[in-house]
Protein backbone atom coordinates (compact mmCIF):
# COMPACT_ATOMS: atom_id res chain seq x y z
CA MET A 1 25.63 -132.97 -14.28
CA ASN A 2 25.73 -132.38 -10.53
CA TRP A 3 28.98 -133.43 -8.94
CA GLU A 4 29.92 -134.36 -5.39
CA THR A 5 33.37 -133.69 -3.95
CA VAL A 6 35.12 -136.36 -1.89
CA ILE A 7 38.08 -135.33 0.27
CA GLY A 8 40.39 -137.14 2.65
CA LEU A 9 43.35 -135.58 4.43
CA GLU A 10 46.67 -137.03 5.51
CA ILE A 11 47.96 -134.69 8.20
CA HIS A 12 51.61 -134.83 9.22
CA ALA A 13 52.21 -133.51 12.74
CA GLN A 14 55.83 -133.24 13.81
CA LEU A 15 56.08 -134.45 17.40
CA ALA A 16 57.58 -132.06 19.93
CA THR A 17 60.26 -134.41 21.24
CA LYS A 18 63.72 -133.10 22.03
CA SER A 19 65.41 -135.87 20.07
CA LYS A 20 64.62 -137.83 16.92
CA ILE A 21 62.46 -140.91 16.75
CA PHE A 22 65.30 -143.43 16.32
CA SER A 23 68.42 -141.48 17.33
CA GLY A 24 69.68 -139.02 19.92
CA SER A 25 70.05 -136.15 17.45
CA ALA A 26 68.37 -132.89 18.44
CA THR A 27 65.19 -131.73 16.71
CA ALA A 28 65.42 -127.99 17.42
CA TYR A 29 64.40 -125.82 14.46
CA GLY A 30 66.84 -123.39 12.87
CA ALA A 31 70.21 -125.11 13.30
CA ALA A 32 72.86 -124.82 10.59
CA PRO A 33 72.28 -127.30 7.74
CA ASN A 34 73.31 -130.88 8.54
CA ALA A 35 74.38 -129.98 12.09
CA GLN A 36 71.73 -132.25 13.65
CA ALA A 37 72.10 -135.51 11.75
CA ASN A 38 74.12 -138.43 13.12
CA LEU A 39 75.11 -141.80 11.68
CA VAL A 40 71.73 -143.37 12.49
CA ASP A 41 69.89 -140.60 10.63
CA LEU A 42 72.24 -140.99 7.68
CA GLY A 43 71.74 -144.75 7.52
CA TYR A 44 75.38 -145.77 7.89
CA PRO A 45 76.07 -149.52 7.86
CA GLY A 46 76.12 -151.18 11.27
CA VAL A 47 74.05 -148.58 13.13
CA LEU A 48 70.80 -149.55 14.87
CA PRO A 49 67.67 -147.45 15.49
CA VAL A 50 66.33 -147.13 19.04
CA LEU A 51 62.69 -146.11 19.46
CA ASN A 52 62.01 -142.83 21.29
CA GLY A 53 59.57 -143.63 24.12
CA GLU A 54 58.30 -140.05 24.32
CA ALA A 55 57.20 -140.23 20.68
CA VAL A 56 55.17 -143.32 21.54
CA ARG A 57 53.53 -141.56 24.49
CA MET A 58 52.59 -138.61 22.28
CA ALA A 59 51.07 -140.84 19.59
CA VAL A 60 49.06 -142.73 22.20
CA SER A 61 47.80 -139.50 23.75
CA PHE A 62 46.45 -138.46 20.36
CA GLY A 63 44.73 -141.82 19.95
CA LEU A 64 43.04 -141.52 23.33
CA ALA A 65 41.96 -137.94 22.58
CA VAL A 66 40.08 -139.00 19.42
CA ASN A 67 38.59 -142.10 21.09
CA ALA A 68 40.57 -144.33 18.77
CA GLN A 69 41.68 -147.90 19.16
CA VAL A 70 45.26 -147.99 20.45
CA ALA A 71 46.90 -151.17 19.21
CA PRO A 72 48.33 -153.46 21.91
CA ARG A 73 50.88 -154.53 19.30
CA SER A 74 52.08 -152.46 16.32
CA VAL A 75 54.94 -152.96 13.89
CA PHE A 76 57.43 -150.65 12.21
CA ALA A 77 58.03 -151.20 8.51
CA ARG A 78 60.45 -150.03 5.87
CA LYS A 79 58.84 -148.02 3.09
CA ASN A 80 61.26 -148.25 0.20
CA TYR A 81 61.62 -145.46 -2.32
CA PHE A 82 64.36 -143.22 -3.63
CA TYR A 83 64.32 -139.55 -2.84
CA PRO A 84 67.36 -137.23 -2.68
CA ASP A 85 66.70 -136.20 0.94
CA LEU A 86 65.98 -139.75 2.16
CA PRO A 87 69.52 -140.90 2.97
CA LYS A 88 68.74 -144.55 3.80
CA GLY A 89 66.77 -145.18 0.63
CA TYR A 90 63.79 -146.12 2.81
CA GLN A 91 61.61 -144.50 5.46
CA ILE A 92 60.78 -146.21 8.74
CA SER A 93 57.02 -146.00 9.08
CA GLN A 94 54.06 -148.21 10.02
CA TYR A 95 51.85 -149.96 7.52
CA GLU A 96 49.59 -152.90 8.30
CA LEU A 97 49.71 -152.52 12.08
CA PRO A 98 49.71 -148.82 13.10
CA VAL A 99 49.83 -147.71 16.73
CA VAL A 100 46.48 -145.85 16.48
CA GLY A 101 43.45 -147.30 14.71
CA ARG A 102 39.97 -146.00 14.01
CA GLY A 103 38.70 -142.89 15.77
CA SER A 104 36.79 -139.70 14.94
CA LEU A 105 36.53 -135.96 15.45
CA GLU A 106 33.49 -133.71 15.34
CA ILE A 107 33.74 -130.46 13.40
CA VAL A 108 31.46 -127.42 13.53
CA LEU A 109 30.90 -125.52 10.29
CA GLU A 110 30.30 -121.78 9.93
CA ASP A 111 26.52 -122.23 9.89
CA GLY A 112 26.64 -124.23 13.13
CA THR A 113 26.22 -127.61 11.41
CA ARG A 114 28.04 -130.44 13.14
CA LYS A 115 29.69 -133.31 11.31
CA ARG A 116 31.69 -136.30 12.47
CA ILE A 117 34.84 -137.06 10.46
CA GLY A 118 36.27 -140.54 10.72
CA ILE A 119 39.96 -141.13 11.37
CA THR A 120 41.26 -144.28 9.70
CA ARG A 121 44.60 -144.44 11.51
CA ALA A 122 47.48 -142.48 12.95
CA HIS A 123 50.90 -144.02 12.63
CA LEU A 124 54.39 -143.14 13.74
CA GLU A 125 57.13 -142.52 11.20
CA GLU A 126 60.31 -140.57 10.60
CA ASP A 127 60.46 -137.43 8.51
CA ALA A 128 62.75 -137.03 5.49
CA GLY A 129 65.34 -134.31 5.04
CA LYS A 130 64.84 -131.18 3.00
CA SER A 131 65.99 -130.26 -0.50
CA LEU A 132 67.18 -126.66 -0.85
CA HIS A 133 66.94 -125.09 -4.30
CA GLU A 134 68.96 -121.97 -3.59
CA GLY A 135 72.31 -120.51 -4.55
CA VAL A 136 73.86 -121.73 -7.79
CA ALA A 137 71.34 -121.82 -10.63
CA GLY A 138 70.19 -125.34 -11.41
CA ALA A 139 71.83 -126.81 -8.31
CA SER A 140 70.20 -128.25 -5.21
CA ALA A 141 71.54 -128.91 -1.74
CA ILE A 142 70.35 -131.32 0.94
CA ASP A 143 69.77 -130.45 4.61
CA LEU A 144 69.33 -133.61 6.69
CA ASN A 145 68.56 -131.93 10.01
CA ARG A 146 64.91 -132.94 9.65
CA ALA A 147 65.71 -136.54 8.68
CA GLY A 148 64.52 -138.80 11.49
CA THR A 149 62.31 -136.20 13.18
CA PRO A 150 59.27 -138.03 14.62
CA LEU A 151 55.88 -137.61 12.96
CA ILE A 152 52.42 -138.93 13.38
CA GLU A 153 50.55 -139.19 10.12
CA ILE A 154 46.83 -138.82 10.76
CA VAL A 155 44.81 -140.34 7.95
CA SER A 156 41.13 -139.38 7.71
CA GLU A 157 38.28 -141.23 6.11
CA PRO A 158 37.08 -139.68 2.80
CA ASP A 159 34.23 -138.02 4.73
CA MET A 160 34.65 -134.39 3.72
CA ARG A 161 32.52 -132.94 0.94
CA SER A 162 33.90 -129.40 0.57
CA ALA A 163 37.07 -127.40 1.02
CA LYS A 164 35.50 -125.64 4.01
CA GLU A 165 34.85 -128.98 5.72
CA ALA A 166 38.47 -129.97 5.08
CA VAL A 167 39.75 -126.72 6.59
CA ALA A 168 37.45 -127.09 9.62
CA TYR A 169 38.75 -130.64 10.19
CA MET A 170 42.38 -129.60 9.78
CA LYS A 171 41.90 -126.72 12.22
CA LYS A 172 40.31 -129.11 14.72
CA VAL A 173 43.31 -131.47 14.52
CA HIS A 174 45.66 -128.47 14.78
CA THR A 175 43.90 -127.29 17.94
CA LEU A 176 43.95 -130.79 19.42
CA VAL A 177 47.65 -131.53 18.93
CA ARG A 178 48.53 -128.17 20.45
CA TYR A 179 46.24 -128.80 23.45
CA LEU A 180 47.96 -132.14 23.97
CA GLY A 181 51.37 -130.47 23.74
CA ILE A 182 52.55 -133.02 21.19
CA CYS A 183 53.12 -130.61 18.28
CA ASP A 184 53.79 -126.87 18.17
CA GLY A 185 51.54 -126.57 15.10
CA ASN A 186 53.93 -124.17 13.38
CA MET A 187 52.88 -124.41 9.74
CA GLN A 188 55.48 -121.95 8.46
CA GLU A 189 58.25 -124.20 9.79
CA GLY A 190 56.60 -127.32 8.36
CA SER A 191 55.78 -128.99 11.66
CA PHE A 192 52.09 -129.25 10.72
CA ARG A 193 51.14 -129.87 7.10
CA CYS A 194 48.86 -132.07 5.07
CA ASP A 195 48.34 -133.91 1.81
CA ALA A 196 44.81 -133.68 0.40
CA ASN A 197 43.25 -136.53 -1.59
CA VAL A 198 40.58 -135.03 -3.84
CA SER A 199 38.12 -136.63 -6.25
CA VAL A 200 34.68 -135.94 -7.68
CA ARG A 201 31.79 -138.24 -8.55
CA PRO A 202 28.25 -137.84 -9.91
CA LYS A 203 25.84 -136.74 -7.19
CA GLY A 204 24.20 -139.82 -5.67
CA SER A 205 26.89 -142.27 -6.78
CA ASP A 206 28.42 -144.55 -4.14
CA LYS A 207 31.53 -145.23 -6.23
CA PHE A 208 34.59 -143.05 -5.66
CA GLY A 209 36.15 -141.16 -8.54
CA THR A 210 39.85 -141.19 -9.39
CA ARG A 211 41.70 -139.09 -6.87
CA ALA A 212 44.59 -136.70 -7.08
CA GLU A 213 46.86 -136.16 -4.10
CA ILE A 214 47.94 -132.57 -3.45
CA LYS A 215 51.18 -132.66 -1.46
CA ASN A 216 52.59 -130.56 1.36
CA LEU A 217 49.95 -127.92 2.03
CA ASN A 218 51.16 -125.81 4.93
CA SER A 219 48.43 -123.23 5.50
CA PHE A 220 44.67 -123.39 5.98
CA ARG A 221 44.21 -120.83 3.21
CA PHE A 222 46.27 -122.91 0.76
CA VAL A 223 44.29 -126.04 1.66
CA GLU A 224 41.03 -124.32 0.77
CA LYS A 225 42.34 -122.73 -2.42
CA ALA A 226 44.11 -125.89 -3.63
CA ILE A 227 41.06 -128.10 -3.10
CA ASN A 228 38.69 -125.65 -4.80
CA PHE A 229 41.00 -125.38 -7.81
CA GLU A 230 41.43 -129.15 -8.03
CA VAL A 231 37.69 -129.80 -7.83
CA ALA A 232 37.04 -127.32 -10.65
CA ARG A 233 39.88 -128.82 -12.72
CA GLN A 234 38.54 -132.36 -12.39
CA ILE A 235 34.95 -131.35 -13.20
CA ASP A 236 36.06 -129.40 -16.29
CA LEU A 237 38.15 -132.37 -17.40
CA LEU A 238 35.32 -134.89 -16.99
CA GLU A 239 32.68 -132.68 -18.58
CA SER A 240 34.89 -132.13 -21.62
CA GLY A 241 35.22 -135.90 -22.14
CA GLY A 242 38.61 -136.29 -20.48
CA LYS A 243 39.72 -138.67 -17.77
CA VAL A 244 41.17 -137.93 -14.33
CA VAL A 245 44.41 -139.85 -13.74
CA GLN A 246 45.70 -140.84 -10.32
CA GLU A 247 48.68 -138.63 -9.63
CA THR A 248 50.51 -136.48 -7.14
CA ARG A 249 50.12 -132.74 -7.64
CA LEU A 250 51.64 -129.62 -6.09
CA TYR A 251 49.84 -126.36 -5.31
CA ASP A 252 51.43 -123.18 -6.65
CA PRO A 253 50.23 -120.33 -4.39
CA ASP A 254 51.56 -117.67 -6.77
CA LYS A 255 49.43 -118.94 -9.65
CA GLY A 256 46.62 -120.30 -7.48
CA GLU A 257 46.65 -123.65 -9.25
CA THR A 258 47.77 -127.25 -8.86
CA ARG A 259 50.22 -128.88 -11.26
CA SER A 260 51.26 -132.45 -11.88
CA MET A 261 54.30 -133.68 -9.96
CA ARG A 262 54.37 -137.43 -10.68
CA SER A 263 52.06 -140.34 -11.42
CA LYS A 264 50.80 -141.84 -8.19
CA GLU A 265 52.30 -145.14 -7.14
CA GLU A 266 50.17 -147.67 -5.31
CA ALA A 267 51.14 -148.58 -1.76
CA ASN A 268 52.52 -151.96 -2.78
CA ASP A 269 55.08 -150.24 -5.01
CA TYR A 270 56.82 -149.14 -1.81
CA ARG A 271 57.65 -152.79 -0.99
CA TYR A 272 56.78 -152.47 2.69
CA PHE A 273 58.25 -155.11 4.98
CA PRO A 274 58.76 -155.20 8.79
CA ASP A 275 61.93 -153.42 9.86
CA PRO A 276 64.32 -156.15 11.03
CA ASP A 277 66.11 -153.79 13.44
CA LEU A 278 63.01 -152.82 15.46
CA LEU A 279 60.97 -155.08 17.70
CA PRO A 280 57.16 -154.87 17.60
CA LEU A 281 55.82 -152.06 19.81
CA GLU A 282 53.73 -153.53 22.64
CA ILE A 283 51.47 -151.32 24.75
CA ASP A 284 49.70 -152.61 27.85
CA GLY A 285 46.76 -151.31 29.88
CA ALA A 286 48.99 -149.79 32.54
CA PHE A 287 50.74 -147.61 29.94
CA LEU A 288 47.39 -146.51 28.51
CA ASP A 289 46.11 -145.59 31.98
CA ALA A 290 49.29 -143.62 32.70
CA VAL A 291 48.97 -141.64 29.46
CA ARG A 292 45.24 -141.10 29.97
CA ALA A 293 45.96 -139.60 33.39
CA THR A 294 48.14 -136.92 31.78
CA LEU A 295 45.57 -135.74 29.24
CA PRO A 296 44.47 -132.11 29.68
CA GLU A 297 40.89 -130.90 29.45
CA LEU A 298 40.29 -131.27 25.72
CA PRO A 299 38.83 -128.54 23.47
CA ASP A 300 35.29 -129.89 23.17
CA ALA A 301 35.00 -130.52 26.91
CA LYS A 302 36.44 -127.09 27.71
CA ALA A 303 34.04 -125.37 25.29
CA ALA A 304 31.08 -127.19 26.86
CA ARG A 305 32.25 -126.12 30.32
CA PHE A 306 32.70 -122.49 29.23
CA ALA A 307 29.18 -122.45 27.80
CA HIS A 308 27.69 -123.91 30.99
CA GLU A 309 29.86 -122.22 33.63
CA TYR A 310 30.12 -118.76 32.08
CA GLY A 311 26.80 -118.61 30.24
CA LEU A 312 28.48 -118.15 26.87
CA SER A 313 27.04 -119.01 23.48
CA GLU A 314 28.35 -122.10 21.77
CA TYR A 315 30.08 -119.86 19.24
CA ASP A 316 31.82 -117.70 21.87
CA ALA A 317 32.89 -120.78 23.81
CA GLY A 318 34.37 -122.29 20.65
CA VAL A 319 36.32 -119.12 19.83
CA LEU A 320 37.74 -118.82 23.35
CA THR A 321 38.87 -122.45 23.45
CA ALA A 322 40.53 -122.39 20.02
CA SER A 323 43.85 -122.63 21.80
CA ARG A 324 44.80 -123.77 25.27
CA GLU A 325 46.65 -120.50 25.88
CA LEU A 326 43.71 -118.32 24.84
CA ALA A 327 41.34 -120.26 27.09
CA ALA A 328 43.73 -119.87 30.03
CA TYR A 329 44.03 -116.12 29.35
CA TYR A 330 40.25 -115.72 29.33
CA GLU A 331 39.74 -117.66 32.55
CA GLU A 332 42.41 -115.58 34.28
CA VAL A 333 40.60 -112.38 33.24
CA VAL A 334 37.31 -113.71 34.65
CA ARG A 335 39.01 -114.91 37.85
CA ARG A 336 40.53 -111.50 38.49
CA LEU A 337 37.26 -109.75 37.69
CA GLY A 338 35.28 -112.05 39.94
CA GLY A 339 32.51 -112.10 37.34
CA GLU A 340 31.44 -110.40 34.10
CA PRO A 341 32.22 -113.47 31.93
CA LYS A 342 30.28 -112.24 28.89
CA LEU A 343 31.88 -108.78 28.92
CA ALA A 344 35.29 -110.39 29.35
CA ALA A 345 34.55 -112.76 26.44
CA ASN A 346 33.63 -109.82 24.21
CA TRP A 347 36.92 -108.08 24.93
CA VAL A 348 39.14 -111.17 24.60
CA SER A 349 37.58 -112.32 21.33
CA GLY A 350 37.04 -108.77 20.05
CA ASP A 351 39.50 -105.95 20.64
CA LEU A 352 42.30 -108.10 22.05
CA ALA A 353 42.07 -110.60 19.16
CA ALA A 354 42.02 -107.75 16.63
CA PHE A 355 45.23 -106.22 18.02
CA LEU A 356 46.93 -109.63 18.16
CA ASN A 357 46.01 -110.29 14.53
CA ARG A 358 47.10 -106.82 13.47
CA ASP A 359 50.54 -107.25 15.01
CA ASN A 360 50.79 -110.97 14.13
CA LEU A 361 51.21 -112.00 17.78
CA GLU A 362 50.17 -115.12 19.67
CA ILE A 363 48.19 -114.71 22.90
CA ASP A 364 51.22 -115.50 25.08
CA ALA A 365 52.99 -112.48 23.53
CA SER A 366 50.08 -110.10 24.16
CA ARG A 367 51.13 -106.59 25.18
CA VAL A 368 48.15 -106.44 27.54
CA GLY A 369 48.17 -109.19 30.15
CA PRO A 370 45.07 -110.79 31.69
CA ALA A 371 45.41 -108.75 34.90
CA GLN A 372 45.56 -105.53 32.89
CA LEU A 373 42.57 -106.45 30.73
CA ALA A 374 40.61 -107.39 33.84
CA GLY A 375 41.38 -103.94 35.23
CA LEU A 376 40.01 -102.30 32.09
CA VAL A 377 36.87 -104.48 31.91
CA GLY A 378 36.28 -103.79 35.60
CA ARG A 379 36.21 -100.05 34.91
CA ILE A 380 33.56 -100.59 32.23
CA ALA A 381 31.52 -102.78 34.58
CA ASP A 382 31.58 -100.23 37.43
CA GLN A 383 30.79 -97.42 34.96
CA THR A 384 34.02 -95.54 35.54
CA ILE A 385 34.37 -95.37 31.77
CA SER A 386 32.10 -96.14 28.84
CA GLY A 387 32.71 -98.94 26.36
CA LYS A 388 33.64 -96.39 23.71
CA ILE A 389 36.23 -94.68 25.90
CA ALA A 390 37.52 -98.12 26.90
CA LYS A 391 38.61 -98.72 23.32
CA ASP A 392 40.86 -95.66 23.45
CA VAL A 393 42.19 -96.72 26.85
CA PHE A 394 42.94 -100.23 25.53
CA GLU A 395 44.91 -98.84 22.60
CA ALA A 396 46.94 -96.69 24.99
CA MET A 397 47.55 -99.75 27.19
CA TRP A 398 48.70 -101.76 24.17
CA VAL A 399 51.19 -99.08 23.15
CA SER A 400 52.50 -98.08 26.58
CA GLY A 401 52.11 -101.23 28.67
CA ARG A 402 50.50 -99.15 31.44
CA ASP A 403 47.41 -100.11 33.46
CA ALA A 404 43.94 -98.78 32.70
CA ASP A 405 43.61 -96.79 35.95
CA ALA A 406 46.81 -94.84 35.28
CA ILE A 407 45.67 -93.90 31.76
CA ILE A 408 42.14 -93.00 32.88
CA ALA A 409 43.50 -90.74 35.62
CA GLU A 410 46.16 -89.11 33.44
CA LYS A 411 43.75 -88.29 30.61
CA GLY A 412 40.79 -87.42 32.80
CA LEU A 413 38.57 -90.02 31.17
CA ARG A 414 36.41 -90.92 34.15
CA GLN A 415 32.77 -91.18 33.08
CA ILE A 416 30.27 -88.55 34.22
CA THR A 417 27.53 -90.25 36.24
CA ASP A 418 26.34 -87.15 38.09
CA THR A 419 22.79 -86.62 36.80
CA GLY A 420 22.97 -82.91 37.57
CA ALA A 421 26.04 -82.44 35.38
CA ILE A 422 24.47 -84.43 32.53
CA GLU A 423 21.22 -82.42 32.78
CA ARG A 424 23.13 -79.15 32.60
CA ALA A 425 24.91 -80.31 29.45
CA ILE A 426 21.57 -81.33 27.90
CA ASP A 427 20.04 -77.95 28.75
CA GLU A 428 22.93 -76.15 27.07
CA VAL A 429 22.63 -78.28 23.90
CA MET A 430 18.85 -77.71 23.74
CA ALA A 431 19.33 -73.97 24.19
CA ARG A 432 21.87 -73.83 21.34
CA ASN A 433 19.64 -75.78 18.94
CA PRO A 434 16.05 -74.40 19.20
CA GLY A 435 15.24 -75.30 15.59
CA GLN A 436 16.14 -78.95 15.96
CA LEU A 437 14.29 -79.04 19.29
CA ALA A 438 11.12 -77.76 17.67
CA GLU A 439 11.41 -80.30 14.82
CA TYR A 440 11.94 -83.17 17.26
CA ARG A 441 8.88 -82.15 19.31
CA ALA A 442 6.93 -81.90 16.06
CA GLY A 443 7.60 -85.61 15.44
CA LYS A 444 11.01 -85.85 13.80
CA ASP A 445 12.25 -88.64 16.09
CA LYS A 446 15.46 -89.23 14.13
CA LEU A 447 16.87 -86.02 15.64
CA PHE A 448 17.25 -87.85 18.97
CA GLY A 449 20.63 -89.14 17.72
CA PHE A 450 21.67 -85.57 16.94
CA PHE A 451 21.03 -84.50 20.56
CA VAL A 452 22.88 -87.56 21.89
CA GLY A 453 25.90 -86.72 19.75
CA GLN A 454 25.88 -83.04 20.71
CA THR A 455 25.62 -83.82 24.42
CA MET A 456 28.40 -86.39 24.20
CA LYS A 457 30.50 -83.79 22.43
CA ALA A 458 29.75 -81.27 25.18
CA THR A 459 30.85 -83.78 27.84
CA GLN A 460 33.91 -84.89 25.80
CA GLY A 461 32.36 -88.34 25.47
CA LYS A 462 32.31 -88.87 29.22
CA ALA A 463 28.57 -88.89 29.93
CA ASN A 464 27.20 -92.27 30.97
CA PRO A 465 25.30 -93.39 27.82
CA ALA A 466 22.40 -95.07 29.64
CA GLN A 467 21.86 -92.09 31.94
CA LEU A 468 22.22 -89.68 29.05
CA ASN A 469 19.57 -91.44 26.96
CA GLU A 470 17.10 -91.60 29.84
CA LEU A 471 17.54 -87.95 30.87
CA LEU A 472 17.53 -86.72 27.28
CA ARG A 473 14.19 -88.39 26.46
CA LYS A 474 12.62 -86.74 29.50
CA LYS A 475 14.05 -83.32 28.65
CA LEU A 476 13.15 -83.43 24.96
CA THR A 477 9.55 -84.38 25.63
CA GLY A 478 9.19 -81.91 28.50
CA PRO A 479 7.57 -78.47 28.47
């Protein structure tokens, strides 16, 4: 039987506020355990939550960015369940009336295919604490620093049909929340993670299969691996006569498999009811206009502008706008160059990106700044150095922090553009290799590369490649 995969993601983005959603406790990462939890976070009797206005602004900015309906009136609810790191015994969230309603995002797949993924809702809620299973064997500890940290939970429609589509969608949301400045996107620290709802159904069926929810996936690679494993598990189960049960599962990255965590409760088991300590959240047109005025140029709009303004391919424009910081770096390189946008794009998305990845650095920690890279690209454009030599210069810049001109001068790397000097080098190579010359003139065209290499070697790689090729063809076919 042919099967179709159905995937929906619930993405949890930790909002980059300085204080928690209902208390004044700090949200900074890395504090000593339980140093950033006050009586409100701990749910002591008699304390009252106060809504963080900045968290509301951030949620609304996300809604506007995905062209969603922003509710003029939304309600906070208590979601009741017991968990060791949930000190109140309930989580303040939103249920029937979320702040952000239906919207959508467009993703682009590796083959260039575009697909629109629906967003069902995005609601505000508080995060739970964290259980620590370290130290004494069999014992657990609780760190409540994270309890009360503001989140938006972004719930997609079940529109994705493969793990790659799910990863593309998650990356798009990751890029967007970082552009908006509402989440740092740090997956290692847990500030951006997702739960994946996965099911399979016979190809052509319009009825959904029974889904499994894979909890707390905190890397794009794990999302893809977990979904692929779960799809294969469900298909094997169904084809062997078994039945998929609705449950919550965890992904084990060491074993590359999902395992059952608990049977899945339905939403009504949480006994949602409006929080009696929080008034309904009311948002008017003036607030929406004020938030809309603060929105930056969003990724899709920026990519379209890059393609039009700089003559880049859709692919290159997408790569360069993957983060707000990378896009700003690229534009600064072009501004300083006063042109050469395609050459600059090649270097930013090529050699620079490779060195950043190698050293596990973000663009804002690059060891070669935009002014320095512009200086290097400028020397390629004016033919001071060749592209090949530029790679060596770039590596020296990365290690030393020095500018391209200083390295070119110190190492004597300036390109030879004097036709007389190049011709003399060609003559010497031809004189040293009469056999190969005779073979080439007898029709063995592949030897042209041999003469290029020998002449480059004779000029220590400094001969201008275009001039060398032109002069060499004339010389080799001459008398």
